[in-house]
Amino acid sequence: MTKVSMMRESLKKVVVPELRKSGFKGSFPHFRRPQDDHIELLFIYLLKSGDGVRVETSICSLDGYTTHWGEKIPPNKVKVDYMDPDKRYNIGEDKPEFVGGIIFFFEDFQNEAEFDILSKEILSYLKLDEKNWIKNKIEKKLKKI
C-alpha cells in the first residue's frame, strides 16, 4: 500500500467518524454540515506530491452556491473548491508560523501507527464541538483583507 493510501485509510478511520458524529455529511474528501444560517464545508486535501495533507474549509448559504458564471450548485453538492479563495480558511493559516495553512507531512512514515498519530493531530485542529467555528475563522480572515 502506498503512503498516500495509508494516509487516506487513516483519515477515514480516525477523522471521518468524528466528522460524522458532529453532523458532517458527504464522502471523503468533501464534507458539509448545515448550521442555522449557512453550511460549513470541509475538504481534506492529499497533496499531489504524495507527501502531505491539508484541510481547507469554507461556508456557503443554505441554498447552496451560484458560481460567477451562473451555475447553481445545490447544497448537497457544494464543495470548498467552488468557493472564492478569499472565503476559504486553511487550517492553521491564522498562525504566523503557518503562512497559508498547515501542511501535515507524512513522507517519512513507515507504519499505520504513525499515520494514525498524524490523523489525531489533524483532528485536534478541527473545532467540531464549536458551532460556527469555520464561519468565525472566515469572518476574521475577511476583516484583515
N, C-alpha and C. Protein backbone atom coordinates (compact mmCIF):
# COMPACT_ATOMS: atom_id res chain seq x y z
N MET A 1 0.85 -1.18 0.00
CA MET A 1 0.00 0.00 0.00
C MET A 1 0.89 1.24 0.00
N THR A 2 0.57 2.23 -0.82
CA THR A 2 1.36 3.46 -0.88
C THR A 2 1.14 4.30 0.37
N LYS A 3 2.03 5.26 0.59
CA LYS A 3 1.88 6.15 1.75
C LYS A 3 0.61 6.99 1.63
N VAL A 4 0.28 7.43 0.43
CA VAL A 4 -0.96 8.20 0.24
C VAL A 4 -2.16 7.33 0.61
N SER A 5 -2.16 6.08 0.18
CA SER A 5 -3.26 5.16 0.52
C SER A 5 -3.33 4.94 2.03
N MET A 6 -2.18 4.80 2.66
CA MET A 6 -2.15 4.60 4.10
C MET A 6 -2.69 5.83 4.83
N MET A 7 -2.34 7.02 4.33
CA MET A 7 -2.82 8.25 4.96
C MET A 7 -4.32 8.36 4.76
N ARG A 8 -4.79 8.08 3.56
CA ARG A 8 -6.23 8.14 3.27
C ARG A 8 -7.00 7.19 4.18
N GLU A 9 -6.51 5.98 4.33
CA GLU A 9 -7.19 5.00 5.18
C GLU A 9 -7.19 5.44 6.65
N SER A 10 -6.10 6.01 7.09
CA SER A 10 -6.02 6.51 8.47
C SER A 10 -7.01 7.64 8.70
N LEU A 11 -7.09 8.57 7.76
CA LEU A 11 -8.04 9.68 7.87
C LEU A 11 -9.47 9.15 7.92
N LYS A 12 -9.76 8.16 7.10
CA LYS A 12 -11.10 7.57 7.09
C LYS A 12 -11.41 6.86 8.41
N LYS A 13 -10.40 6.29 9.02
CA LYS A 13 -10.58 5.56 10.26
C LYS A 13 -10.65 6.49 11.48
N VAL A 14 -9.84 7.55 11.48
CA VAL A 14 -9.72 8.41 12.66
C VAL A 14 -10.56 9.69 12.56
N VAL A 15 -10.47 10.40 11.44
CA VAL A 15 -11.09 11.71 11.31
C VAL A 15 -12.55 11.63 10.86
N VAL A 16 -12.81 10.86 9.84
CA VAL A 16 -14.16 10.82 9.26
C VAL A 16 -15.24 10.42 10.28
N PRO A 17 -15.03 9.42 11.12
CA PRO A 17 -16.07 9.10 12.11
C PRO A 17 -16.39 10.28 13.04
N GLU A 18 -15.38 11.07 13.38
CA GLU A 18 -15.61 12.24 14.23
C GLU A 18 -16.37 13.33 13.47
N LEU A 19 -16.07 13.48 12.20
CA LEU A 19 -16.83 14.42 11.38
C LEU A 19 -18.30 14.01 11.36
N ARG A 20 -18.55 12.74 11.16
CA ARG A 20 -19.92 12.23 11.11
C ARG A 20 -20.64 12.46 12.45
N LYS A 21 -19.95 12.17 13.56
CA LYS A 21 -20.55 12.37 14.88
C LYS A 21 -20.96 13.82 15.10
N SER A 22 -20.22 14.73 14.50
CA SER A 22 -20.52 16.16 14.69
C SER A 22 -21.47 16.71 13.62
N GLY A 23 -22.02 15.84 12.78
CA GLY A 23 -23.05 16.26 11.84
C GLY A 23 -22.61 16.49 10.41
N PHE A 24 -21.33 16.26 10.09
CA PHE A 24 -20.89 16.43 8.71
C PHE A 24 -21.39 15.26 7.87
N LYS A 25 -21.79 15.57 6.65
CA LYS A 25 -22.21 14.57 5.68
C LYS A 25 -21.29 14.71 4.46
N GLY A 26 -21.39 13.77 3.57
CA GLY A 26 -20.56 13.79 2.37
C GLY A 26 -19.68 12.56 2.34
N SER A 27 -18.81 12.53 1.35
CA SER A 27 -17.89 11.40 1.25
C SER A 27 -16.47 11.95 1.10
N PHE A 28 -15.53 11.19 1.57
CA PHE A 28 -14.13 11.60 1.55
C PHE A 28 -13.74 11.98 0.12
N PRO A 29 -13.17 13.14 -0.06
CA PRO A 29 -12.60 14.11 0.88
C PRO A 29 -13.47 15.35 1.12
N HIS A 30 -14.73 15.35 0.65
CA HIS A 30 -15.59 16.54 0.74
C HIS A 30 -16.72 16.32 1.74
N PHE A 31 -16.84 17.26 2.68
CA PHE A 31 -17.86 17.14 3.73
C PHE A 31 -18.59 18.46 3.91
N ARG A 32 -19.85 18.38 4.35
CA ARG A 32 -20.67 19.58 4.63
C ARG A 32 -21.50 19.35 5.87
N ARG A 33 -21.71 20.46 6.60
CA ARG A 33 -22.52 20.42 7.83
C ARG A 33 -23.41 21.65 7.88
N PRO A 34 -24.74 21.45 7.82
CA PRO A 34 -25.64 22.60 7.90
C PRO A 34 -25.63 23.20 9.31
N GLN A 35 -25.68 24.53 9.34
CA GLN A 35 -25.85 25.28 10.58
C GLN A 35 -27.15 26.07 10.43
N ASP A 36 -27.44 26.94 11.36
CA ASP A 36 -28.71 27.70 11.33
C ASP A 36 -28.84 28.58 10.09
N ASP A 37 -27.75 29.24 9.69
CA ASP A 37 -27.85 30.20 8.58
C ASP A 37 -26.82 29.99 7.48
N HIS A 38 -26.12 28.86 7.50
CA HIS A 38 -25.11 28.57 6.47
C HIS A 38 -24.76 27.08 6.51
N ILE A 39 -23.94 26.68 5.56
CA ILE A 39 -23.41 25.31 5.51
C ILE A 39 -21.90 25.40 5.67
N GLU A 40 -21.36 24.62 6.59
CA GLU A 40 -19.91 24.53 6.73
C GLU A 40 -19.39 23.49 5.74
N LEU A 41 -18.30 23.84 5.09
CA LEU A 41 -17.68 22.95 4.11
C LEU A 41 -16.29 22.58 4.58
N LEU A 42 -15.89 21.35 4.37
CA LEU A 42 -14.57 20.89 4.79
C LEU A 42 -14.01 19.97 3.72
N PHE A 43 -12.77 20.18 3.37
CA PHE A 43 -12.09 19.42 2.31
C PHE A 43 -10.76 18.93 2.84
N ILE A 44 -10.56 17.63 2.84
CA ILE A 44 -9.29 17.03 3.26
C ILE A 44 -8.50 16.77 1.99
N TYR A 45 -7.44 17.53 1.82
CA TYR A 45 -6.70 17.53 0.56
C TYR A 45 -5.37 16.80 0.69
N LEU A 46 -5.25 15.67 0.01
CA LEU A 46 -3.97 14.96 -0.05
C LEU A 46 -3.17 15.58 -1.19
N LEU A 47 -2.00 16.10 -0.87
CA LEU A 47 -1.19 16.80 -1.85
C LEU A 47 -0.81 15.90 -3.01
N LYS A 48 -0.78 16.48 -4.19
CA LYS A 48 -0.42 15.72 -5.39
C LYS A 48 1.01 15.19 -5.31
N SER A 49 1.85 15.85 -4.52
CA SER A 49 3.22 15.38 -4.35
C SER A 49 3.28 14.08 -3.57
N GLY A 50 2.17 13.74 -2.89
CA GLY A 50 2.10 12.46 -2.19
C GLY A 50 2.79 12.43 -0.85
N ASP A 51 3.07 13.60 -0.28
CA ASP A 51 3.81 13.60 0.99
C ASP A 51 3.14 14.39 2.10
N GLY A 52 1.94 14.90 1.86
CA GLY A 52 1.30 15.71 2.88
C GLY A 52 -0.20 15.84 2.68
N VAL A 53 -0.83 16.41 3.69
CA VAL A 53 -2.27 16.63 3.67
C VAL A 53 -2.56 17.98 4.31
N ARG A 54 -3.57 18.64 3.81
CA ARG A 54 -4.04 19.88 4.43
C ARG A 54 -5.55 19.85 4.48
N VAL A 55 -6.11 20.70 5.33
CA VAL A 55 -7.56 20.76 5.48
C VAL A 55 -7.99 22.18 5.17
N GLU A 56 -8.90 22.29 4.22
CA GLU A 56 -9.40 23.58 3.80
C GLU A 56 -10.90 23.63 4.10
N THR A 57 -11.37 24.79 4.56
CA THR A 57 -12.76 24.95 4.93
C THR A 57 -13.36 26.18 4.27
N SER A 58 -14.68 26.25 4.28
CA SER A 58 -15.39 27.42 3.80
C SER A 58 -16.83 27.32 4.28
N ILE A 59 -17.63 28.28 3.89
CA ILE A 59 -19.06 28.26 4.18
C ILE A 59 -19.82 28.70 2.94
N CYS A 60 -21.09 28.34 2.88
CA CYS A 60 -21.97 28.82 1.82
C CYS A 60 -23.38 28.96 2.40
N SER A 61 -24.27 29.52 1.62
CA SER A 61 -25.65 29.70 2.09
C SER A 61 -26.35 28.35 2.16
N LEU A 62 -27.44 28.31 2.87
CA LEU A 62 -28.24 27.09 2.98
C LEU A 62 -28.83 26.66 1.64
N ASP A 63 -28.87 27.59 0.68
CA ASP A 63 -29.39 27.29 -0.66
C ASP A 63 -28.33 26.69 -1.58
N GLY A 64 -27.09 26.61 -1.12
CA GLY A 64 -26.01 26.14 -1.97
C GLY A 64 -25.18 27.31 -2.45
N TYR A 65 -24.70 27.21 -3.68
CA TYR A 65 -23.79 28.23 -4.19
C TYR A 65 -24.05 28.45 -5.67
N THR A 66 -23.97 29.70 -6.09
CA THR A 66 -24.07 30.03 -7.51
C THR A 66 -22.71 30.55 -7.97
N THR A 67 -22.14 29.89 -8.97
CA THR A 67 -20.83 30.28 -9.47
C THR A 67 -20.91 31.64 -10.17
N HIS A 68 -19.75 32.23 -10.42
CA HIS A 68 -19.74 33.53 -11.10
C HIS A 68 -20.24 33.42 -12.55
N TRP A 69 -20.30 32.21 -13.10
CA TRP A 69 -20.83 32.04 -14.46
C TRP A 69 -22.31 31.62 -14.44
N GLY A 70 -22.92 31.59 -13.20
CA GLY A 70 -24.35 31.37 -13.09
C GLY A 70 -24.80 29.95 -12.80
N GLU A 71 -23.87 29.02 -12.70
CA GLU A 71 -24.26 27.64 -12.41
C GLU A 71 -24.67 27.51 -10.94
N LYS A 72 -25.81 26.91 -10.71
CA LYS A 72 -26.33 26.71 -9.35
C LYS A 72 -25.87 25.35 -8.84
N ILE A 73 -25.12 25.36 -7.72
CA ILE A 73 -24.66 24.13 -7.08
C ILE A 73 -25.57 23.89 -5.87
N PRO A 74 -26.31 22.77 -5.86
CA PRO A 74 -27.23 22.52 -4.75
C PRO A 74 -26.47 22.28 -3.44
N PRO A 75 -27.15 22.48 -2.31
CA PRO A 75 -26.50 22.36 -1.01
C PRO A 75 -25.83 21.00 -0.76
N ASN A 76 -26.35 19.95 -1.32
CA ASN A 76 -25.78 18.62 -1.09
C ASN A 76 -24.62 18.30 -2.03
N LYS A 77 -24.26 19.23 -2.89
CA LYS A 77 -23.17 19.01 -3.86
C LYS A 77 -22.05 20.05 -3.75
N VAL A 78 -22.29 21.13 -3.02
CA VAL A 78 -21.30 22.21 -2.96
C VAL A 78 -20.03 21.72 -2.27
N LYS A 79 -18.89 22.22 -2.75
CA LYS A 79 -17.57 21.83 -2.22
C LYS A 79 -16.75 23.09 -1.98
N VAL A 80 -15.75 22.95 -1.15
CA VAL A 80 -14.84 24.06 -0.87
C VAL A 80 -14.25 24.62 -2.17
N ASP A 81 -13.93 23.74 -3.10
CA ASP A 81 -13.31 24.14 -4.37
C ASP A 81 -14.08 25.24 -5.10
N TYR A 82 -15.40 25.26 -4.96
CA TYR A 82 -16.22 26.23 -5.67
C TYR A 82 -16.12 27.64 -5.08
N MET A 83 -15.71 27.72 -3.84
CA MET A 83 -15.75 28.98 -3.12
C MET A 83 -14.58 29.89 -3.50
N ASP A 84 -14.82 31.20 -3.41
CA ASP A 84 -13.78 32.20 -3.65
C ASP A 84 -12.62 31.93 -2.69
N PRO A 85 -11.37 31.94 -3.19
CA PRO A 85 -10.22 31.68 -2.31
C PRO A 85 -10.15 32.58 -1.08
N ASP A 86 -10.62 33.82 -1.20
CA ASP A 86 -10.62 34.71 -0.04
C ASP A 86 -11.62 34.27 1.02
N LYS A 87 -12.57 33.42 0.65
CA LYS A 87 -13.59 32.96 1.58
C LYS A 87 -13.35 31.51 2.00
N ARG A 88 -12.09 31.13 1.98
CA ARG A 88 -11.68 29.80 2.44
C ARG A 88 -10.71 29.98 3.60
N TYR A 89 -10.71 29.01 4.47
CA TYR A 89 -9.77 29.01 5.58
C TYR A 89 -9.03 27.69 5.59
N ASN A 90 -7.70 27.77 5.45
CA ASN A 90 -6.85 26.59 5.57
C ASN A 90 -6.47 26.45 7.03
N ILE A 91 -6.64 25.26 7.57
CA ILE A 91 -6.35 25.04 8.98
C ILE A 91 -4.95 25.55 9.31
N GLY A 92 -4.89 26.43 10.31
CA GLY A 92 -3.63 26.98 10.78
C GLY A 92 -3.17 28.25 10.11
N GLU A 93 -3.86 28.72 9.08
CA GLU A 93 -3.36 29.88 8.33
C GLU A 93 -3.36 31.16 9.16
N ASP A 94 -4.10 31.19 10.26
CA ASP A 94 -4.13 32.38 11.10
C ASP A 94 -2.95 32.44 12.07
N LYS A 95 -2.11 31.44 12.05
CA LYS A 95 -0.91 31.43 12.89
C LYS A 95 0.28 31.87 12.05
N PRO A 96 1.06 32.84 12.54
CA PRO A 96 2.17 33.39 11.74
C PRO A 96 3.17 32.34 11.26
N GLU A 97 3.35 31.29 12.03
CA GLU A 97 4.34 30.27 11.65
C GLU A 97 3.84 29.35 10.54
N PHE A 98 2.56 29.46 10.18
CA PHE A 98 1.98 28.59 9.14
C PHE A 98 1.36 29.43 8.03
N VAL A 99 2.14 30.23 7.37
CA VAL A 99 1.62 31.07 6.30
C VAL A 99 0.95 30.18 5.26
N GLY A 100 -0.31 30.46 4.98
CA GLY A 100 -1.05 29.67 4.00
C GLY A 100 -1.68 28.41 4.56
N GLY A 101 -1.45 28.12 5.84
CA GLY A 101 -2.04 26.94 6.46
C GLY A 101 -1.02 25.85 6.72
N ILE A 102 -1.44 24.90 7.51
CA ILE A 102 -0.54 23.80 7.90
C ILE A 102 -0.60 22.70 6.84
N ILE A 103 0.57 22.24 6.48
CA ILE A 103 0.67 21.02 5.68
C ILE A 103 1.18 19.95 6.64
N PHE A 104 0.39 18.91 6.80
CA PHE A 104 0.75 17.81 7.68
C PHE A 104 1.51 16.78 6.85
N PHE A 105 2.82 16.72 7.04
CA PHE A 105 3.66 15.85 6.21
C PHE A 105 3.73 14.43 6.77
N PHE A 106 3.75 13.47 5.85
CA PHE A 106 3.86 12.05 6.23
C PHE A 106 4.89 11.31 5.38
N GLU A 107 5.76 12.05 4.73
CA GLU A 107 6.70 11.44 3.78
C GLU A 107 7.63 10.40 4.41
N ASP A 108 7.96 10.55 5.70
CA ASP A 108 8.90 9.63 6.34
C ASP A 108 8.22 8.52 7.14
N PHE A 109 6.90 8.45 7.08
CA PHE A 109 6.18 7.46 7.88
C PHE A 109 6.36 6.06 7.30
N GLN A 110 6.38 5.10 8.22
CA GLN A 110 6.60 3.72 7.82
C GLN A 110 5.47 2.77 8.22
N ASN A 111 4.67 3.17 9.24
CA ASN A 111 3.67 2.22 9.73
C ASN A 111 2.35 2.91 10.06
N GLU A 112 1.33 2.10 10.22
CA GLU A 112 -0.03 2.56 10.46
C GLU A 112 -0.13 3.47 11.68
N ALA A 113 0.60 3.14 12.73
CA ALA A 113 0.55 3.93 13.97
C ALA A 113 0.98 5.37 13.72
N GLU A 114 2.00 5.59 12.90
CA GLU A 114 2.45 6.95 12.60
C GLU A 114 1.37 7.74 11.85
N PHE A 115 0.72 7.10 10.92
CA PHE A 115 -0.36 7.76 10.17
C PHE A 115 -1.52 8.09 11.10
N ASP A 116 -1.84 7.18 12.01
CA ASP A 116 -2.94 7.42 12.95
C ASP A 116 -2.63 8.56 13.91
N ILE A 117 -1.39 8.68 14.34
CA ILE A 117 -1.00 9.80 15.21
C ILE A 117 -1.19 11.12 14.47
N LEU A 118 -0.80 11.16 13.21
CA LEU A 118 -0.97 12.39 12.42
C LEU A 118 -2.46 12.69 12.21
N SER A 119 -3.25 11.67 11.97
CA SER A 119 -4.70 11.88 11.81
C SER A 119 -5.30 12.47 13.09
N LYS A 120 -4.84 12.00 14.24
CA LYS A 120 -5.32 12.54 15.51
C LYS A 120 -4.88 13.98 15.69
N GLU A 121 -3.67 14.30 15.22
CA GLU A 121 -3.20 15.70 15.29
C GLU A 121 -4.08 16.59 14.41
N ILE A 122 -4.38 16.13 13.21
CA ILE A 122 -5.26 16.88 12.30
C ILE A 122 -6.61 17.10 12.98
N LEU A 123 -7.15 16.06 13.57
CA LEU A 123 -8.43 16.15 14.26
C LEU A 123 -8.40 17.19 15.38
N SER A 124 -7.26 17.34 16.03
CA SER A 124 -7.16 18.29 17.14
C SER A 124 -7.31 19.74 16.68
N TYR A 125 -7.07 20.01 15.42
CA TYR A 125 -7.23 21.37 14.87
C TYR A 125 -8.67 21.67 14.45
N LEU A 126 -9.48 20.65 14.34
CA LEU A 126 -10.88 20.83 13.92
C LEU A 126 -11.73 21.04 15.16
N LYS A 127 -12.32 22.19 15.29
CA LYS A 127 -13.12 22.54 16.47
C LYS A 127 -14.56 22.07 16.25
N LEU A 128 -14.73 20.78 16.15
CA LEU A 128 -16.01 20.20 15.76
C LEU A 128 -17.14 20.47 16.74
N ASP A 129 -16.80 20.69 18.00
CA ASP A 129 -17.82 20.96 19.01
C ASP A 129 -18.23 22.43 19.07
N GLU A 130 -17.48 23.28 18.37
CA GLU A 130 -17.77 24.71 18.38
C GLU A 130 -18.66 25.06 17.18
N LYS A 131 -19.89 25.43 17.49
CA LYS A 131 -20.80 25.83 16.43
C LYS A 131 -20.24 27.09 15.77
N ASN A 132 -20.24 27.12 14.47
CA ASN A 132 -19.80 28.28 13.68
C ASN A 132 -18.29 28.52 13.69
N TRP A 133 -17.47 27.55 14.09
CA TRP A 133 -16.04 27.80 14.13
C TRP A 133 -15.47 28.14 12.76
N ILE A 134 -15.97 27.50 11.71
CA ILE A 134 -15.48 27.80 10.36
C ILE A 134 -15.92 29.20 9.95
N LYS A 135 -17.17 29.52 10.18
CA LYS A 135 -17.69 30.86 9.85
C LYS A 135 -16.89 31.94 10.59
N ASN A 136 -16.62 31.70 11.85
CA ASN A 136 -15.86 32.68 12.64
C ASN A 136 -14.44 32.87 12.09
N LYS A 137 -13.79 31.81 11.69
CA LYS A 137 -12.44 31.90 11.11
C LYS A 137 -12.47 32.69 9.80
N ILE A 138 -13.46 32.43 8.97
CA ILE A 138 -13.55 33.12 7.68
C ILE A 138 -13.88 34.59 7.89
N GLU A 139 -14.79 34.90 8.78
CA GLU A 139 -15.13 36.30 9.04
C GLU A 139 -13.92 37.06 9.58
N LYS A 140 -13.15 36.42 10.44
CA LYS A 140 -11.93 37.04 10.97
C LYS A 140 -10.92 37.30 9.83
N LYS A 141 -10.80 36.33 8.94
CA LYS A 141 -9.90 36.47 7.79
C LYS A 141 -10.34 37.62 6.89
N LEU A 142 -11.63 37.72 6.62
CA LEU A 142 -12.15 38.76 5.73
C LEU A 142 -11.95 40.16 6.32
N LYS A 143 -11.96 40.28 7.63
CA LYS A 143 -11.73 41.59 8.26
C LYS A 143 -10.30 42.08 8.02
N LYS A 144 -9.37 41.15 7.81
CA LYS A 144 -7.97 41.52 7.58
C LYS A 144 -7.71 41.93 6.13
N ILE A 145 -8.60 41.52 5.23
CA ILE A 145 -8.40 41.80 3.80
C ILE A 145 -8.80 43.23 3.47
